[in-house]
């Protein structure tokens, strides 16, 4: 993962049993300049459980990195 050279947003659910939070944190730490979004009380279905927050965060992430 250290060779990844594009903006990365890791989205994690605090209560995700399929991909535990510790794994998402490790991934974000191993990818240079990656950002981690931890969704409180969310499971592996975090994007369905908190769609507005996820969408807003992704939009902000993309806009801040747009090279338009």
C-alpha atoms as a PDB file:
ATOM      1  CA  UNK A   1       0.000   0.000   0.000  1.00  0.00           C
ATOM      2  CA  UNK A   2       2.880   2.475   0.427  1.00  0.00           C
ATOM      3  CA  UNK A   3       3.117   2.780  -3.366  1.00  0.00           C
ATOM      4  CA  UNK A   4      -0.440   4.131  -3.729  1.00  0.00           C
ATOM      5  CA  UNK A   5      -0.103   7.663  -5.043  1.00  0.00           C
ATOM      6  CA  UNK A   6      -3.689   8.891  -5.328  1.00  0.00           C
ATOM      7  CA  UNK A   7      -6.023  10.470  -2.783  1.00  0.00           C
ATOM      8  CA  UNK A   8      -7.658   7.812  -0.603  1.00  0.00           C
ATOM      9  CA  UNK A   9     -10.548   8.099   1.823  1.00  0.00           C
ATOM     10  CA  UNK A  10     -11.004   5.019   3.982  1.00  0.00           C
ATOM     11  CA  UNK A  11     -14.577   4.792   5.294  1.00  0.00           C
ATOM     12  CA  UNK A  12     -15.048   2.620   8.360  1.00  0.00           C
ATOM     13  CA  UNK A  13     -17.887   1.686  10.652  1.00  0.00           C
ATOM     14  CA  UNK A  14     -17.068   1.816  14.342  1.00  0.00           C
ATOM     15  CA  UNK A  15     -18.960  -1.461  14.932  1.00  0.00           C
ATOM     16  CA  UNK A  16     -18.046  -3.216  11.683  1.00  0.00           C
ATOM     17  CA  UNK A  17     -17.557  -6.912  12.443  1.00  0.00           C
ATOM     18  CA  UNK A  18     -16.720  -7.899   8.855  1.00  0.00           C
ATOM     19  CA  UNK A  19     -13.889  -5.359   8.504  1.00  0.00           C
ATOM     20  CA  UNK A  20     -12.909  -4.418  12.054  1.00  0.00           C
ATOM     21  CA  UNK A  21     -12.006  -0.801  12.722  1.00  0.00           C
ATOM     22  CA  UNK A  22      -8.428  -1.786  13.542  1.00  0.00           C
ATOM     23  CA  UNK A  23      -7.997  -3.039   9.940  1.00  0.00           C
ATOM     24  CA  UNK A  24      -9.344   0.191   8.469  1.00  0.00           C
ATOM     25  CA  UNK A  25      -6.995   2.186  10.682  1.00  0.00           C
ATOM     26  CA  UNK A  26      -4.048   0.042   9.554  1.00  0.00           C
ATOM     27  CA  UNK A  27      -5.010   0.580   5.920  1.00  0.00           C
ATOM     28  CA  UNK A  28      -5.220   4.352   6.359  1.00  0.00           C
ATOM     29  CA  UNK A  29      -1.851   4.376   8.120  1.00  0.00           C
ATOM     30  CA  UNK A  30      -0.162   2.360   5.352  1.00  0.00           C
ATOM     31  CA  UNK A  31      -1.431   4.478   2.465  1.00  0.00           C
ATOM     32  CA  UNK A  32       0.482   7.759   2.196  1.00  0.00           C
ATOM     33  CA  UNK A  33      -1.702  10.786   2.964  1.00  0.00           C
ATOM     34  CA  UNK A  34      -4.867   8.672   3.286  1.00  0.00           C
ATOM     35  CA  UNK A  35      -7.735  10.004   5.354  1.00  0.00           C
ATOM     36  CA  UNK A  36      -9.915   7.918   7.636  1.00  0.00           C
ATOM     37  CA  UNK A  37     -13.602   8.521   8.255  1.00  0.00           C
ATOM     38  CA  UNK A  38     -14.927   6.538  11.212  1.00  0.00           C
ATOM     39  CA  UNK A  39     -18.693   6.444  11.417  1.00  0.00           C
ATOM     40  CA  UNK A  40     -19.875   6.182  15.015  1.00  0.00           C
ATOM     41  CA  UNK A  41     -22.180   3.297  15.854  1.00  0.00           C
ATOM     42  CA  UNK A  42     -22.036   2.119  12.212  1.00  0.00           C
ATOM     43  CA  UNK A  43     -21.634  -1.450  11.012  1.00  0.00           C
ATOM     44  CA  UNK A  44     -20.323  -2.846   7.717  1.00  0.00           C
ATOM     45  CA  UNK A  45     -23.397  -1.217   6.151  1.00  0.00           C
ATOM     46  CA  UNK A  46     -22.250   2.244   7.246  1.00  0.00           C
ATOM     47  CA  UNK A  47     -22.991   3.832   3.878  1.00  0.00           C
ATOM     48  CA  UNK A  48     -26.607   2.695   4.117  1.00  0.00           C
ATOM     49  CA  UNK A  49     -26.911   3.566   7.800  1.00  0.00           C
ATOM     50  CA  UNK A  50     -25.497   7.099   7.484  1.00  0.00           C
ATOM     51  CA  UNK A  51     -25.793   8.022   3.791  1.00  0.00           C
ATOM     52  CA  UNK A  52     -25.946  11.788   4.258  1.00  0.00           C
ATOM     53  CA  UNK A  53     -22.734  11.936   6.287  1.00  0.00           C
ATOM     54  CA  UNK A  54     -20.925   9.594   3.917  1.00  0.00           C
ATOM     55  CA  UNK A  55     -22.047  11.529   0.829  1.00  0.00           C
ATOM     56  CA  UNK A  56     -21.120  14.884   2.347  1.00  0.00           C
ATOM     57  CA  UNK A  57     -17.695  13.628   3.401  1.00  0.00           C
ATOM     58  CA  UNK A  58     -16.965  12.079   0.009  1.00  0.00           C
ATOM     59  CA  UNK A  59     -18.056  15.278  -1.754  1.00  0.00           C
ATOM     60  CA  UNK A  60     -15.833  17.402   0.495  1.00  0.00           C
ATOM     61  CA  UNK A  61     -12.925  14.974  -0.015  1.00  0.00           C
ATOM     62  CA  UNK A  62     -13.264  15.084  -3.809  1.00  0.00           C
ATOM     63  CA  UNK A  63     -13.735  18.853  -4.045  1.00  0.00           C
ATOM     64  CA  UNK A  64     -10.666  19.484  -1.896  1.00  0.00           C
ATOM     65  CA  UNK A  65      -8.573  17.374  -4.271  1.00  0.00           C
ATOM     66  CA  UNK A  66     -10.047  18.449  -7.590  1.00  0.00           C
ATOM     67  CA  UNK A  67      -7.412  19.554 -10.070  1.00  0.00           C
ATOM     68  CA  UNK A  68      -9.962  21.209 -12.357  1.00  0.00           C
END
